Every structure is written in C-alpha cells, then in structure tokens.
C-alpha cells in the first residue's frame, strides 16, 4: 500500500515538473498524474508545448 502511495506521489511530481517546463496546465497534469499514476507521464511527454493557462 505504501509503495502505491509513493509511486503516485512521484508521478504527480514528475507530471508537475514536465507540465511546467512545457508551459501546460500544472493543475490538470497533477490531477491526471494522481489519478492515472505513471501512465500519465507518456501522454505528457507526447503533449505539445503550449501556453500556461494555470496562472
């Protein structure tokens, strides 16, 4: 159980960092990272850079 929590926390951190670098919505990608875990990271890597709408 603790391993699952750690994996989700690491995934959300990675999603936040990558989304911020790409100029994407950090809130959206943190939620997706928390919900889908490591499965959200490849989709974020494939996402096109954009303007940051979370500001």
N, C-alpha and C. Protein backbone atom coordinates (compact mmCIF):
# COMPACT_ATOMS: atom_id res chain seq x y z
N UNK A 1 0.82 -1.19 0.00
CA UNK A 1 0.00 0.00 0.00
C UNK A 1 0.87 1.25 0.00
N UNK A 2 1.91 1.25 0.83
CA UNK A 2 2.79 2.41 0.88
C UNK A 2 3.54 2.60 -0.44
N UNK A 3 3.86 1.52 -1.09
CA UNK A 3 4.55 1.60 -2.37
C UNK A 3 3.66 2.28 -3.41
N UNK A 4 2.39 1.97 -3.40
CA UNK A 4 1.45 2.61 -4.32
C UNK A 4 1.36 4.11 -4.07
N UNK A 5 1.34 4.51 -2.83
CA UNK A 5 1.29 5.94 -2.48
C UNK A 5 2.57 6.64 -2.94
N UNK A 6 3.70 6.01 -2.76
CA UNK A 6 4.97 6.59 -3.19
C UNK A 6 5.01 6.73 -4.71
N UNK A 7 4.55 5.71 -5.42
CA UNK A 7 4.54 5.76 -6.88
C UNK A 7 3.65 6.89 -7.38
N UNK A 8 2.48 7.07 -6.78
CA UNK A 8 1.57 8.14 -7.19
C UNK A 8 2.18 9.51 -6.86
N UNK A 9 2.81 9.64 -5.72
CA UNK A 9 3.42 10.92 -5.35
C UNK A 9 4.56 11.28 -6.31
N UNK A 10 5.38 10.31 -6.66
CA UNK A 10 6.47 10.55 -7.60
C UNK A 10 5.91 10.90 -8.98
N UNK A 11 4.88 10.22 -9.39
CA UNK A 11 4.26 10.50 -10.69
C UNK A 11 3.69 11.92 -10.75
N UNK A 12 3.04 12.35 -9.68
CA UNK A 12 2.49 13.70 -9.67
C UNK A 12 3.60 14.74 -9.70
N UNK A 13 4.69 14.47 -9.03
CA UNK A 13 5.84 15.39 -9.06
C UNK A 13 6.45 15.49 -10.45
N UNK A 14 6.59 14.37 -11.10
CA UNK A 14 7.13 14.36 -12.47
C UNK A 14 6.18 15.08 -13.41
N UNK A 15 4.88 14.82 -13.29
CA UNK A 15 3.90 15.48 -14.14
C UNK A 15 3.92 16.99 -13.92
N UNK A 16 4.04 17.42 -12.68
CA UNK A 16 4.09 18.85 -12.39
C UNK A 16 5.31 19.50 -13.05
N UNK A 17 6.46 18.88 -12.89
CA UNK A 17 7.70 19.44 -13.43
C UNK A 17 7.68 19.49 -14.95
N UNK A 18 7.25 18.41 -15.57
CA UNK A 18 7.21 18.38 -17.04
C UNK A 18 6.17 19.35 -17.60
N UNK A 19 5.02 19.44 -16.97
CA UNK A 19 3.99 20.36 -17.44
C UNK A 19 4.45 21.81 -17.31
N UNK A 20 5.14 22.11 -16.24
CA UNK A 20 5.64 23.48 -16.06
C UNK A 20 6.68 23.82 -17.12
N UNK A 21 7.57 22.89 -17.42
CA UNK A 21 8.59 23.11 -18.45
C UNK A 21 7.98 23.29 -19.83
N UNK A 22 6.90 22.56 -20.10
CA UNK A 22 6.27 22.63 -21.42
C UNK A 22 5.26 23.77 -21.52
N UNK A 23 4.97 24.45 -20.43
CA UNK A 23 4.01 25.54 -20.46
C UNK A 23 2.57 25.06 -20.48
N UNK A 24 2.32 23.89 -19.91
CA UNK A 24 0.97 23.34 -19.87
C UNK A 24 0.36 23.55 -18.49
N UNK A 25 -0.90 23.27 -18.36
CA UNK A 25 -1.61 23.45 -17.09
C UNK A 25 -1.07 22.48 -16.04
N UNK A 26 -0.42 23.01 -15.02
CA UNK A 26 0.14 22.16 -13.99
C UNK A 26 -0.95 21.51 -13.15
N UNK A 27 -2.04 22.22 -12.90
CA UNK A 27 -3.13 21.65 -12.11
C UNK A 27 -3.73 20.43 -12.79
N UNK A 28 -3.98 20.56 -14.08
CA UNK A 28 -4.56 19.44 -14.83
C UNK A 28 -3.64 18.23 -14.79
N UNK A 29 -2.36 18.44 -15.05
CA UNK A 29 -1.44 17.31 -15.13
C UNK A 29 -1.14 16.70 -13.77
N UNK A 30 -1.21 17.47 -12.70
CA UNK A 30 -1.05 16.90 -11.37
C UNK A 30 -2.25 16.00 -11.05
N UNK A 31 -3.43 16.45 -11.42
CA UNK A 31 -4.63 15.63 -11.19
C UNK A 31 -4.55 14.35 -12.01
N UNK A 32 -4.16 14.48 -13.29
CA UNK A 32 -4.02 13.29 -14.13
C UNK A 32 -2.94 12.35 -13.60
N UNK A 33 -1.83 12.93 -13.11
CA UNK A 33 -0.77 12.11 -12.54
C UNK A 33 -1.21 11.39 -11.28
N UNK A 34 -2.03 12.05 -10.48
CA UNK A 34 -2.53 11.42 -9.25
C UNK A 34 -3.55 10.32 -9.58
N UNK A 35 -4.37 10.55 -10.59
CA UNK A 35 -5.41 9.60 -10.94
C UNK A 35 -4.87 8.40 -11.71
N UNK A 36 -4.01 8.65 -12.69
CA UNK A 36 -3.50 7.58 -13.54
C UNK A 36 -2.12 7.09 -13.15
N UNK A 37 -1.45 7.78 -12.26
CA UNK A 37 -0.12 7.37 -11.83
C UNK A 37 0.89 7.50 -12.95
N UNK A 38 1.80 6.54 -13.06
CA UNK A 38 2.86 6.64 -14.07
C UNK A 38 2.35 6.55 -15.51
N UNK A 39 1.10 6.15 -15.71
CA UNK A 39 0.56 6.06 -17.07
C UNK A 39 0.31 7.43 -17.69
N UNK A 40 0.26 8.48 -16.88
CA UNK A 40 0.04 9.84 -17.40
C UNK A 40 1.33 10.43 -17.97
N UNK A 41 2.47 9.96 -17.54
CA UNK A 41 3.75 10.55 -17.95
C UNK A 41 4.00 10.42 -19.46
N UNK A 42 3.78 9.26 -20.08
CA UNK A 42 3.99 9.21 -21.55
C UNK A 42 3.09 10.16 -22.33
N UNK A 43 1.86 10.33 -21.87
CA UNK A 43 0.95 11.25 -22.55
C UNK A 43 1.43 12.69 -22.40
N UNK A 44 1.97 13.00 -21.26
CA UNK A 44 2.52 14.35 -21.06
C UNK A 44 3.75 14.57 -21.92
N UNK A 45 4.56 13.55 -22.09
CA UNK A 45 5.73 13.67 -22.95
C UNK A 45 5.34 13.86 -24.41
N UNK A 46 4.20 13.32 -24.81
CA UNK A 46 3.72 13.47 -26.18
C UNK A 46 2.93 14.76 -26.40
N UNK A 47 2.54 15.42 -25.34
CA UNK A 47 1.74 16.65 -25.45
C UNK A 47 2.58 17.78 -26.06
N UNK A 48 1.93 18.56 -26.87
CA UNK A 48 2.61 19.71 -27.49
C UNK A 48 2.78 20.82 -26.48
N UNK A 49 3.91 21.52 -26.54
CA UNK A 49 4.09 22.67 -25.66
C UNK A 49 3.02 23.73 -25.97
N UNK A 50 2.59 24.43 -24.94
CA UNK A 50 1.57 25.45 -25.13
C UNK A 50 1.78 26.59 -24.16
N UNK A 51 0.76 27.41 -24.04
CA UNK A 51 0.81 28.50 -23.09
C UNK A 51 0.28 28.00 -21.76
N UNK A 52 0.82 28.51 -20.69
CA UNK A 52 0.41 28.09 -19.35
C UNK A 52 -0.87 28.80 -18.98
N UNK A 53 -1.97 28.06 -18.85
CA UNK A 53 -3.26 28.65 -18.54
C UNK A 53 -3.57 28.62 -17.05
N UNK A 54 -2.68 28.07 -16.23
CA UNK A 54 -2.96 27.94 -14.79
C UNK A 54 -2.57 29.20 -14.01
N UNK A 55 -2.04 30.19 -14.66
CA UNK A 55 -1.64 31.40 -13.93
C UNK A 55 -2.77 32.34 -13.77
